[in-house]
Protein backbone atom coordinates (compact mmCIF):
# COMPACT_ATOMS: atom_id res chain seq x y z
CA UNK A 1 -121.77 33.07 -1.45
CA UNK A 2 -124.11 30.83 -3.37
CA UNK A 3 -127.78 31.59 -3.90
CA UNK A 4 -128.71 28.61 -1.75
CA UNK A 5 -126.47 29.77 1.11
CA UNK A 6 -127.94 33.28 0.85
CA UNK A 7 -131.51 31.95 0.95
CA UNK A 8 -130.69 29.65 3.87
CA UNK A 9 -129.20 32.53 5.85
CA UNK A 10 -132.13 34.78 4.99
CA UNK A 11 -134.72 32.17 6.02
CA UNK A 12 -132.77 31.38 9.19
CA UNK A 13 -132.66 35.06 10.11
CA UNK A 14 -136.36 35.42 9.32
CA UNK A 15 -137.19 32.40 11.48
CA UNK A 16 -135.18 33.70 14.43
CA UNK A 17 -136.80 37.13 14.12
CA UNK A 18 -140.31 35.64 13.95
CA UNK A 19 -139.74 33.39 16.95
CA UNK A 20 -138.19 36.27 18.87
CA UNK A 21 -141.01 38.67 17.96
CA UNK A 22 -143.71 36.19 18.97
CA UNK A 23 -142.07 34.72 22.10
CA UNK A 24 -140.20 37.52 23.88
CA UNK A 25 -143.08 40.05 24.18
CA UNK A 26 -145.48 37.45 25.68
CA UNK A 27 -142.87 36.57 28.30
CA UNK A 28 -143.13 40.17 29.54
CA UNK A 29 -146.77 41.04 28.81
CA UNK A 30 -148.36 37.62 29.35
CA UNK A 31 -150.43 37.67 26.13
CA UNK A 32 -149.74 34.38 24.31
CA UNK A 33 -152.67 34.43 21.83
CA UNK A 34 -150.68 34.59 18.59
CA UNK A 35 -147.56 32.86 19.88
CA UNK A 36 -148.98 29.34 19.87
CA UNK A 37 -149.14 29.06 16.08
CA UNK A 38 -145.46 30.03 15.82
CA UNK A 39 -144.49 27.47 18.46
CA UNK A 40 -146.61 24.80 16.71
CA UNK A 41 -144.91 25.58 13.40
CA UNK A 42 -141.54 25.45 15.13
CA UNK A 43 -142.33 21.98 16.55
CA UNK A 44 -143.64 20.81 13.17
CA UNK A 45 -140.59 21.97 11.21
CA UNK A 46 -138.24 20.53 13.83
CA UNK A 47 -140.03 17.19 13.59
CA UNK A 48 -139.80 17.23 9.80
CA UNK A 49 -136.10 18.11 9.90
CA UNK A 50 -135.31 15.37 12.45
CA UNK A 51 -137.28 12.77 10.50
CA UNK A 52 -135.58 13.72 7.22
CA UNK A 53 -132.21 13.64 8.98
CA UNK A 54 -132.92 10.07 10.09
CA UNK A 55 -134.29 9.03 6.70
CA UNK A 56 -131.17 10.28 4.96
CA UNK A 57 -129.23 7.64 6.90
CA UNK A 58 -131.12 4.93 4.98
CA UNK A 59 -129.13 3.39 2.13
CA UNK A 60 -131.38 4.66 -0.68
CA UNK A 61 -129.32 4.91 -3.84
CA UNK A 62 -131.80 6.63 -6.15
CA UNK A 63 -131.89 10.36 -5.57
CA UNK A 64 -135.45 10.67 -6.85
CA UNK A 65 -136.62 7.95 -4.46
CA UNK A 66 -134.86 9.70 -1.56
CA UNK A 67 -136.67 12.93 -2.42
CA UNK A 68 -139.99 11.07 -2.61
CA UNK A 69 -139.42 9.44 0.79
CA UNK A 70 -138.45 12.79 2.35
CA UNK A 71 -141.46 14.57 0.85
CA UNK A 72 -143.79 11.82 2.07
CA UNK A 73 -142.29 12.17 5.55
CA UNK A 74 -142.88 15.93 5.49
CA UNK A 75 -146.46 15.38 4.30
CA UNK A 76 -147.04 12.83 7.05
CA UNK A 77 -145.77 15.18 9.76
CA UNK A 78 -147.92 18.06 8.50
CA UNK A 79 -150.95 15.74 8.23
CA UNK A 80 -150.50 14.58 11.83
CA UNK A 81 -149.70 18.00 13.29
CA UNK A 82 -152.49 19.59 11.26
CA UNK A 83 -154.93 16.99 12.49
CA UNK A 84 -153.85 17.43 16.13
CA UNK A 85 -153.95 21.23 15.98
CA UNK A 86 -156.92 21.43 13.58
CA UNK A 87 -155.14 23.34 10.81
CA UNK A 88 -157.49 21.92 8.19
CA UNK A 89 -160.86 20.21 7.97
CA UNK A 90 -161.27 16.79 6.34
CA UNK A 91 -162.86 18.47 3.30
CA UNK A 92 -159.78 20.70 2.93
CA UNK A 93 -157.12 18.01 3.29
CA UNK A 94 -155.74 19.14 -0.08
CA UNK A 95 -154.35 22.17 1.78
CA UNK A 96 -151.62 19.96 3.26
CA UNK A 97 -150.40 19.10 -0.23
CA UNK A 98 -150.67 22.77 -1.25
CA UNK A 99 -148.56 23.78 1.75
CA UNK A 100 -145.88 21.07 1.61
CA UNK A 101 -145.23 20.24 -2.04
CA UNK A 102 -144.30 23.76 -3.26
CA UNK A 103 -141.93 24.28 -0.32
CA UNK A 104 -140.34 20.89 -0.86
CA UNK A 105 -140.01 21.55 -4.62
CA UNK A 106 -138.20 24.85 -4.01
CA UNK A 107 -135.81 23.21 -1.52
CA UNK A 108 -135.13 20.32 -3.93
CA UNK A 109 -134.51 22.78 -6.78
CA UNK A 110 -132.03 24.71 -4.65
CA UNK A 111 -130.26 21.42 -3.88
CA UNK A 112 -129.99 20.63 -7.60
CA UNK A 113 -128.57 24.09 -8.30
CA UNK A 114 -126.03 23.67 -5.48
CA UNK A 115 -124.99 20.23 -6.73
CA UNK A 116 -124.45 21.59 -10.24
CA UNK A 117 -122.31 24.41 -8.85
CA UNK A 118 -120.30 21.92 -6.78
CA UNK A 119 -119.75 19.70 -9.84
CA UNK A 120 -118.46 22.69 -11.83
CA UNK A 121 -116.05 23.62 -9.04
CA UNK A 122 -114.80 20.03 -8.72
CA UNK A 123 -114.34 19.71 -12.49
CA UNK A 124 -112.35 22.97 -12.55
CA UNK A 125 -110.16 21.69 -9.72
CA UNK A 126 -109.58 18.41 -11.57
CA UNK A 127 -108.60 20.24 -14.75
CA UNK A 128 -106.34 22.59 -12.80
CA UNK A 129 -104.65 19.61 -11.15
CA UNK A 130 -104.16 17.89 -14.52
CA UNK A 131 -102.61 21.05 -15.94
CA UNK A 132 -100.22 21.32 -12.99
CA UNK A 133 -99.25 17.65 -13.35
CA UNK A 134 -98.61 18.10 -17.07
CA UNK A 135 -96.55 21.22 -16.42
CA UNK A 136 -94.50 19.44 -13.75
CA UNK A 137 -93.87 16.53 -16.13
CA UNK A 138 -92.73 18.97 -18.79
CA UNK A 139 -90.26 20.59 -16.38
CA UNK A 140 -88.48 17.29 -15.68
């Protein structure tokens, strides 16, 4: 299991546990005070993920430009949701950048690490295939 896969599974499990812990008890006890922030965050992250999914369909060839477009989309969603739900005041708008950019940087770094691992695996497979082809030519 790669580090990225481990982190994804860990975050997924954490997310499911948080949603479960904040949604199931209010269903039974009727106290929804702290649940709304979790549901708002769930809607915000779903919106970001859907928007990035759609943006990745665009034919952008430069990887750096694709990352910039995706990060701007995430920033836009957090700006809009934060404005609607009053997560920040106009004087603290820098908080949106402080919330989004580090998260996006970590995700992008994990993608780079995964790509490097994939390239190593592919290169090993290519070399292994070449060796087998050379061995089969030598047997003839």
